[in-house]
Amino acid sequence: MLVWFIVGSLVAVSLVFDSPALDHRFVAAGAVLPVAEGLVGGPWLLHTLVAGVAVLAVVMLLTRGRRPGRQRWLGVPIGMFIHLVLDGTWTDTGLFWWPVAGMDELGGSVVPEFARLPGTLLLEALGLLVGAWAWRRFGMSDPLNRRRFWSEGRLVGIAGQAGHENDRRGS
């Protein structure tokens, strides 16, 4: 139940935003964060839109005037929003729109990731397939690209390959 969210969030964010400054490690962390609610009888706040908005507001306030920190930490709420899309929470009106749609939807049930277990296993398999595609797309067989991802959170896309070649030659 992690591969789908990690790979899905990394691919979606890199293809949609194409931001070289965004730290994709934080996006992945934000995308798996709501899964932890399964350990505490969720879904709770992390499966609601209000939680992502609140985390976004906190990041914006706490990183005011600190652009590198903001670029890093913005990945967490972005990952949380992508999680809501990838696990289908947006289809559960009461949970997604809590508290606007009512106050009764939190806790006491199974998180969406565990509730649809056969489907979740298929999504994990799809995550592995998309992950294999992404491995090639982002040149992760190159040790420099892997090092850049693990140390800086950067993914080099097709458009970034020319710049990457210049990095390798030292120019």
Protein backbone atom coordinates (compact mmCIF):
# COMPACT_ATOMS: atom_id res chain seq x y z
CA MET A 1 0.00 0.00 0.00
CA LEU A 2 3.00 2.24 -0.25
CA VAL A 3 4.35 1.68 -3.77
CA TRP A 4 1.22 3.05 -5.45
CA PHE A 5 1.34 6.25 -3.40
CA ILE A 6 5.10 6.79 -3.61
CA VAL A 7 5.45 6.11 -7.33
CA GLY A 8 2.14 7.73 -8.25
CA SER A 9 2.95 10.92 -6.39
CA LEU A 10 6.49 11.17 -7.76
CA VAL A 11 5.38 10.65 -11.35
CA ALA A 12 2.35 12.93 -11.11
CA VAL A 13 4.24 15.79 -9.48
CA SER A 14 7.25 15.59 -11.76
CA LEU A 15 5.12 15.47 -14.92
CA VAL A 16 2.59 18.12 -13.85
CA PHE A 17 4.79 20.64 -12.04
CA ASP A 18 8.15 19.96 -13.73
CA SER A 19 9.80 21.99 -10.96
CA PRO A 20 13.52 21.34 -10.53
CA ALA A 21 13.48 22.98 -7.08
CA LEU A 22 10.75 20.78 -5.56
CA ASP A 23 12.03 18.09 -3.19
CA HIS A 24 10.35 14.91 -4.37
CA ARG A 25 11.32 13.04 -1.20
CA PHE A 26 8.94 15.28 0.75
CA VAL A 27 6.21 14.68 -1.84
CA ALA A 28 6.56 10.92 -1.33
CA ALA A 29 6.49 11.36 2.45
CA GLY A 30 3.32 13.45 2.23
CA ALA A 31 1.71 10.87 -0.06
CA VAL A 32 2.22 8.00 2.42
CA LEU A 33 1.47 10.02 5.56
CA PRO A 34 -2.30 9.32 5.52
CA VAL A 35 -1.66 5.55 5.39
CA ALA A 36 -0.45 5.83 9.01
CA GLU A 37 -4.04 6.50 10.05
CA GLY A 38 -4.69 2.83 9.43
CA LEU A 39 -2.66 2.13 12.57
CA VAL A 40 -4.92 4.29 14.75
CA GLY A 41 -8.40 3.28 13.61
CA GLY A 42 -8.74 5.88 10.88
CA PRO A 43 -9.52 7.50 8.58
CA TRP A 44 -9.01 10.65 10.54
CA LEU A 45 -7.96 14.15 9.51
CA LEU A 46 -5.23 13.16 7.06
CA HIS A 47 -7.88 11.77 4.71
CA THR A 48 -9.71 15.11 4.53
CA LEU A 49 -9.19 18.09 2.28
CA VAL A 50 -9.02 20.38 5.31
CA ALA A 51 -5.87 18.63 6.58
CA GLY A 52 -3.99 19.21 3.34
CA VAL A 53 -5.08 22.84 3.27
CA ALA A 54 -4.06 23.29 6.92
CA VAL A 55 -0.62 21.75 6.34
CA LEU A 56 -0.19 23.95 3.26
CA ALA A 57 -1.07 27.05 5.28
CA VAL A 58 1.34 26.08 8.07
CA VAL A 59 4.16 25.48 5.57
CA MET A 60 3.50 28.83 3.89
CA LEU A 61 3.48 30.67 7.22
CA LEU A 62 6.51 28.95 8.76
CA THR A 63 8.69 29.27 5.66
CA ARG A 64 7.92 32.89 4.90
CA GLY A 65 11.11 34.51 3.61
CA ARG A 66 12.93 31.16 3.45
CA ARG A 67 12.55 29.99 -0.12
CA PRO A 68 14.72 26.83 0.03
CA GLY A 69 12.80 25.60 3.08
CA ARG A 70 9.50 26.38 1.42
CA GLN A 71 10.45 24.51 -1.75
CA ARG A 72 11.35 21.49 0.36
CA TRP A 73 8.36 21.47 2.73
CA LEU A 74 5.72 22.28 0.09
CA GLY A 75 6.16 18.70 -1.04
CA VAL A 76 4.36 17.40 2.07
CA PRO A 77 0.93 19.01 1.45
CA ILE A 78 1.27 18.38 -2.29
CA GLY A 79 1.85 14.69 -1.53
CA MET A 80 -1.12 14.69 0.85
CA PHE A 81 -3.39 16.11 -1.87
CA ILE A 82 -2.16 13.53 -4.37
CA HIS A 83 -2.85 10.77 -1.84
CA LEU A 84 -6.50 11.86 -1.70
CA VAL A 85 -6.71 11.44 -5.47
CA LEU A 86 -4.77 8.17 -5.70
CA ASP A 87 -6.76 6.37 -2.99
CA GLY A 88 -10.14 7.66 -4.17
CA THR A 89 -10.94 9.56 -0.97
CA TRP A 90 -12.44 12.32 -3.13
CA THR A 91 -15.32 9.90 -3.92
CA ASP A 92 -16.32 9.75 -0.23
CA THR A 93 -18.10 13.08 0.20
CA GLY A 94 -18.45 12.87 3.96
CA LEU A 95 -14.79 12.12 4.54
CA PHE A 96 -13.23 14.27 1.83
CA TRP A 97 -15.28 17.36 2.66
CA TRP A 98 -15.21 16.92 6.46
CA PRO A 99 -16.35 18.97 8.40
CA VAL A 100 -18.39 20.77 5.70
CA ALA A 101 -20.35 17.60 4.81
CA GLY A 102 -20.85 16.58 8.44
CA MET A 103 -18.91 15.71 11.54
CA ASP A 104 -19.57 11.95 11.69
CA GLU A 105 -17.12 10.55 9.15
CA LEU A 106 -13.84 10.43 11.08
CA GLY A 107 -12.40 7.34 12.77
CA GLY A 108 -13.99 4.07 13.71
CA SER A 109 -13.70 2.55 10.28
CA VAL A 110 -11.08 1.27 7.90
CA VAL A 111 -8.93 3.66 5.87
CA PRO A 112 -9.74 3.53 2.14
CA GLU A 113 -6.40 1.85 1.39
CA PHE A 114 -7.34 -1.17 3.52
CA ALA A 115 -11.07 -1.20 2.74
CA ARG A 116 -10.55 -2.10 -0.91
CA LEU A 117 -7.87 -4.71 -0.37
CA PRO A 118 -8.16 -6.69 -3.64
CA GLY A 119 -8.19 -3.41 -5.58
CA THR A 120 -5.34 -2.07 -3.48
CA LEU A 121 -3.18 -5.05 -4.43
CA LEU A 122 -3.88 -4.34 -8.09
CA LEU A 123 -2.89 -0.71 -7.55
CA GLU A 124 0.35 -1.86 -5.92
CA ALA A 125 1.08 -3.98 -9.01
CA LEU A 126 0.26 -1.01 -11.23
CA GLY A 127 2.58 1.07 -9.05
CA LEU A 128 5.39 -1.38 -9.76
CA LEU A 129 4.75 -1.13 -13.51
CA VAL A 130 4.63 2.67 -13.42
CA GLY A 131 7.75 2.57 -11.22
CA ALA A 132 9.62 0.57 -13.89
CA TRP A 133 8.57 3.13 -16.50
CA ALA A 134 9.57 6.02 -14.21
CA TRP A 135 12.95 4.40 -13.52
CA ARG A 136 13.72 4.67 -17.24
CA ARG A 137 11.98 8.03 -17.72
CA PHE A 138 14.02 9.68 -14.98
CA GLY A 139 17.28 7.89 -15.83
CA MET A 140 17.56 6.25 -12.42
CA SER A 141 19.97 3.63 -13.75
CA ASP A 142 22.52 6.45 -13.81
CA PRO A 143 24.25 6.64 -10.39
CA LEU A 144 24.41 10.45 -10.62
CA ASN A 145 20.61 10.67 -10.99
CA ARG A 146 20.07 8.29 -8.07
CA ARG A 147 22.50 10.27 -5.92
CA ARG A 148 20.75 13.52 -6.88
CA PHE A 149 17.39 12.06 -5.89
CA TRP A 150 18.56 10.67 -2.53
CA SER A 151 20.60 13.72 -1.54
CA GLU A 152 18.53 16.58 -3.06
CA GLY A 153 15.14 15.06 -3.88
CA ARG A 154 15.52 15.88 -7.58
CA LEU A 155 14.26 13.87 -10.52
CA VAL A 156 15.79 14.55 -13.90
CA GLY A 157 13.19 14.36 -16.64
CA ILE A 158 13.63 14.12 -20.39
CA ALA A 159 13.77 17.91 -20.65
CA GLY A 160 16.49 17.96 -18.00
CA GLN A 161 18.70 15.41 -19.74
CA ALA A 162 20.66 18.01 -21.72
CA GLY A 163 21.50 19.90 -18.55
CA HIS A 164 22.36 16.62 -16.87
CA GLU A 165 24.88 15.77 -19.58
CA ASN A 166 26.56 19.13 -19.00
CA ASP A 167 26.70 18.39 -15.25
CA ARG A 168 28.54 15.15 -15.95
CA ARG A 169 31.13 16.80 -18.18
CA GLY A 170 31.73 19.50 -15.60
CA SER A 171 30.74 22.45 -17.81
